[in-house]
Amino acid sequence: MPRPTAAQFAYGSATVVVTTLALLLLFRAQSVVAVAAAGAVALVLGLLVALRLPTARPTTAEDGAGTSEGAADPAHHTPRSTGVRERVPAGRPTARSDEHSLRR
């Protein structure tokens, strides 16, 4: 499981604080049960806000970062060249190399 980002902590915490204050003032909570319920609702809402934020994904050259190519559909993704030339294997020698290539 990835670690939460600083933005997730910040938005989640701010949501908890603001929601708790808003609920306490809105419902004029004075009993312990009402304050606990407002705190619980605020914690759940803060967790949902933090989880809904997009997480940072590491980008590499193979991701196609910076290009629109393959961004919408990973099935059509073509990786960028890494600058290293790949070795192409040589073809297999055939037993009948002296014959022509046309079949009868």
C-alpha atoms as a PDB file:
ATOM      1  CA  MET A   1       0.000   0.000   0.000  1.00  0.00           C
ATOM      2  CA  PRO A   2       1.510   3.354  -1.000  1.00  0.00           C
ATOM      3  CA  ARG A   3       2.151   5.990   1.630  1.00  0.00           C
ATOM      4  CA  PRO A   4      -0.162   9.003   1.721  1.00  0.00           C
ATOM      5  CA  THR A   5       1.167  12.196   0.195  1.00  0.00           C
ATOM      6  CA  ALA A   6       1.503  15.535   1.966  1.00  0.00           C
ATOM      7  CA  ALA A   7      -1.499  16.845   0.045  1.00  0.00           C
ATOM      8  CA  GLN A   8      -3.621  13.940   1.274  1.00  0.00           C
ATOM      9  CA  PHE A   9      -2.617  14.667   4.884  1.00  0.00           C
ATOM     10  CA  ALA A  10      -3.279  18.382   4.494  1.00  0.00           C
ATOM     11  CA  TYR A  11      -6.668  18.102   2.786  1.00  0.00           C
ATOM     12  CA  GLY A  12      -7.833  15.307   5.078  1.00  0.00           C
ATOM     13  CA  SER A  13      -6.827  17.174   8.234  1.00  0.00           C
ATOM     14  CA  ALA A  14      -8.352  20.438   7.055  1.00  0.00           C
ATOM     15  CA  THR A  15     -11.582  18.634   6.186  1.00  0.00           C
ATOM     16  CA  VAL A  16     -11.763  17.077   9.653  1.00  0.00           C
ATOM     17  CA  VAL A  17     -11.204  20.395  11.444  1.00  0.00           C
ATOM     18  CA  VAL A  18     -13.582  22.449   9.300  1.00  0.00           C
ATOM     19  CA  THR A  19     -16.304  19.785   9.280  1.00  0.00           C
ATOM     20  CA  THR A  20     -16.117  19.316  13.044  1.00  0.00           C
ATOM     21  CA  LEU A  21     -16.428  23.036  13.701  1.00  0.00           C
ATOM     22  CA  ALA A  22     -19.250  23.391  11.175  1.00  0.00           C
ATOM     23  CA  LEU A  23     -21.232  20.477  12.619  1.00  0.00           C
ATOM     24  CA  LEU A  24     -20.771  21.650  16.215  1.00  0.00           C
ATOM     25  CA  LEU A  25     -21.890  25.170  15.364  1.00  0.00           C
ATOM     26  CA  LEU A  26     -24.688  24.106  13.023  1.00  0.00           C
ATOM     27  CA  PHE A  27     -26.335  21.651  15.419  1.00  0.00           C
ATOM     28  CA  ARG A  28     -25.328  23.503  18.597  1.00  0.00           C
ATOM     29  CA  ALA A  29     -24.035  20.284  20.061  1.00  0.00           C
ATOM     30  CA  GLN A  30     -23.711  20.374  23.844  1.00  0.00           C
ATOM     31  CA  SER A  31     -23.890  16.728  24.861  1.00  0.00           C
ATOM     32  CA  VAL A  32     -20.977  14.312  24.767  1.00  0.00           C
ATOM     33  CA  VAL A  33     -22.812  12.036  22.333  1.00  0.00           C
ATOM     34  CA  ALA A  34     -23.460  14.881  19.868  1.00  0.00           C
ATOM     35  CA  VAL A  35     -19.838  16.029  19.994  1.00  0.00           C
ATOM     36  CA  ALA A  36     -18.609  12.436  19.485  1.00  0.00           C
ATOM     37  CA  ALA A  37     -21.005  11.955  16.551  1.00  0.00           C
ATOM     38  CA  ALA A  38     -19.825  15.196  14.925  1.00  0.00           C
ATOM     39  CA  GLY A  39     -16.202  14.121  15.381  1.00  0.00           C
ATOM     40  CA  ALA A  40     -16.868  10.672  13.919  1.00  0.00           C
ATOM     41  CA  VAL A  41     -18.662  12.114  10.891  1.00  0.00           C
ATOM     42  CA  ALA A  42     -15.823  14.584  10.367  1.00  0.00           C
ATOM     43  CA  LEU A  43     -13.198  11.816  10.570  1.00  0.00           C
ATOM     44  CA  VAL A  44     -15.025   9.694   7.993  1.00  0.00           C
ATOM     45  CA  LEU A  45     -15.426  12.670   5.671  1.00  0.00           C
ATOM     46  CA  GLY A  46     -11.750  13.596   6.069  1.00  0.00           C
ATOM     47  CA  LEU A  47     -10.722  10.040   5.238  1.00  0.00           C
ATOM     48  CA  LEU A  48     -12.883  10.032   2.128  1.00  0.00           C
ATOM     49  CA  VAL A  49     -11.445  13.355   0.967  1.00  0.00           C
ATOM     50  CA  ALA A  50      -7.882  12.129   1.505  1.00  0.00           C
ATOM     51  CA  LEU A  51      -8.498   8.875  -0.363  1.00  0.00           C
ATOM     52  CA  ARG A  52     -10.158  10.581  -3.322  1.00  0.00           C
ATOM     53  CA  LEU A  53      -7.138  12.790  -4.039  1.00  0.00           C
ATOM     54  CA  PRO A  54      -4.987  11.505  -6.876  1.00  0.00           C
ATOM     55  CA  THR A  55      -1.770   9.904  -5.710  1.00  0.00           C
ATOM     56  CA  ALA A  56       1.583  10.799  -7.184  1.00  0.00           C
ATOM     57  CA  ARG A  57       2.812   8.190  -9.650  1.00  0.00           C
ATOM     58  CA  PRO A  58       6.488   7.868 -10.445  1.00  0.00           C
ATOM     59  CA  THR A  59       7.211   8.665 -14.080  1.00  0.00           C
ATOM     60  CA  THR A  60       9.838   6.916 -16.118  1.00  0.00           C
ATOM     61  CA  ALA A  61      10.965   7.162 -19.707  1.00  0.00           C
ATOM     62  CA  GLU A  62       9.045   3.980 -20.521  1.00  0.00           C
ATOM     63  CA  ASP A  63       5.757   5.496 -19.302  1.00  0.00           C
ATOM     64  CA  GLY A  64       5.702   7.891 -22.213  1.00  0.00           C
ATOM     65  CA  ALA A  65       5.616  10.816 -19.800  1.00  0.00           C
ATOM     66  CA  GLY A  66       5.184  14.129 -21.524  1.00  0.00           C
ATOM     67  CA  THR A  67       3.528  12.647 -24.588  1.00  0.00           C
ATOM     68  CA  SER A  68      -0.084  11.994 -25.302  1.00  0.00           C
ATOM     69  CA  GLU A  69       0.875   8.760 -26.976  1.00  0.00           C
ATOM     70  CA  GLY A  70      -0.502   5.838 -24.989  1.00  0.00           C
ATOM     71  CA  ALA A  71      -1.822   8.045 -22.193  1.00  0.00           C
ATOM     72  CA  ALA A  72      -5.489   7.302 -22.793  1.00  0.00           C
ATOM     73  CA  ASP A  73      -5.155   3.676 -23.845  1.00  0.00           C
ATOM     74  CA  PRO A  74      -2.301   1.602 -22.412  1.00  0.00           C
ATOM     75  CA  ALA A  75      -2.904  -1.110 -25.029  1.00  0.00           C
ATOM     76  CA  HIS A  76      -1.624   1.259 -27.746  1.00  0.00           C
ATOM     77  CA  HIS A  77       1.407   2.340 -25.736  1.00  0.00           C
ATOM     78  CA  THR A  78       4.709   2.416 -27.571  1.00  0.00           C
ATOM     79  CA  PRO A  79       7.705   2.886 -25.261  1.00  0.00           C
ATOM     80  CA  ARG A  80      10.254   5.540 -26.064  1.00  0.00           C
ATOM     81  CA  SER A  81      13.704   4.643 -27.265  1.00  0.00           C
ATOM     82  CA  THR A  82      16.184   4.281 -24.425  1.00  0.00           C
ATOM     83  CA  GLY A  83      19.168   5.072 -26.625  1.00  0.00           C
ATOM     84  CA  VAL A  84      20.459   1.500 -26.446  1.00  0.00           C
ATOM     85  CA  ARG A  85      20.462  -0.347 -29.757  1.00  0.00           C
ATOM     86  CA  GLU A  86      18.936  -3.772 -29.501  1.00  0.00           C
ATOM     87  CA  ARG A  87      20.690  -6.672 -31.127  1.00  0.00           C
ATOM     88  CA  VAL A  88      18.679  -8.344 -33.840  1.00  0.00           C
ATOM     89  CA  PRO A  89      19.196 -12.104 -33.887  1.00  0.00           C
ATOM     90  CA  ALA A  90      20.487 -13.591 -37.123  1.00  0.00           C
ATOM     91  CA  GLY A  91      18.186 -15.780 -39.168  1.00  0.00           C
ATOM     92  CA  ARG A  92      18.484 -19.543 -39.012  1.00  0.00           C
ATOM     93  CA  PRO A  93      20.424 -21.187 -41.788  1.00  0.00           C
ATOM     94  CA  THR A  94      18.295 -23.591 -43.757  1.00  0.00           C
ATOM     95  CA  ALA A  95      19.381 -26.988 -44.965  1.00  0.00           C
ATOM     96  CA  ARG A  96      18.438 -26.069 -48.558  1.00  0.00           C
ATOM     97  CA  SER A  97      20.175 -22.732 -48.931  1.00  0.00           C
ATOM     98  CA  ASP A  98      21.167 -23.465 -52.547  1.00  0.00           C
ATOM     99  CA  GLU A  99      17.541 -23.747 -53.752  1.00  0.00           C
ATOM    100  CA  HIS A 100      15.393 -20.837 -54.874  1.00  0.00           C
ATOM    101  CA  SER A 101      12.830 -19.336 -52.512  1.00  0.00           C
ATOM    102  CA  LEU A 102       9.732 -19.872 -54.657  1.00  0.00           C
ATOM    103  CA  ARG A 103       7.638 -22.909 -53.839  1.00  0.00           C
ATOM    104  CA  ARG A 104       5.990 -25.037 -56.486  1.00  0.00           C
END
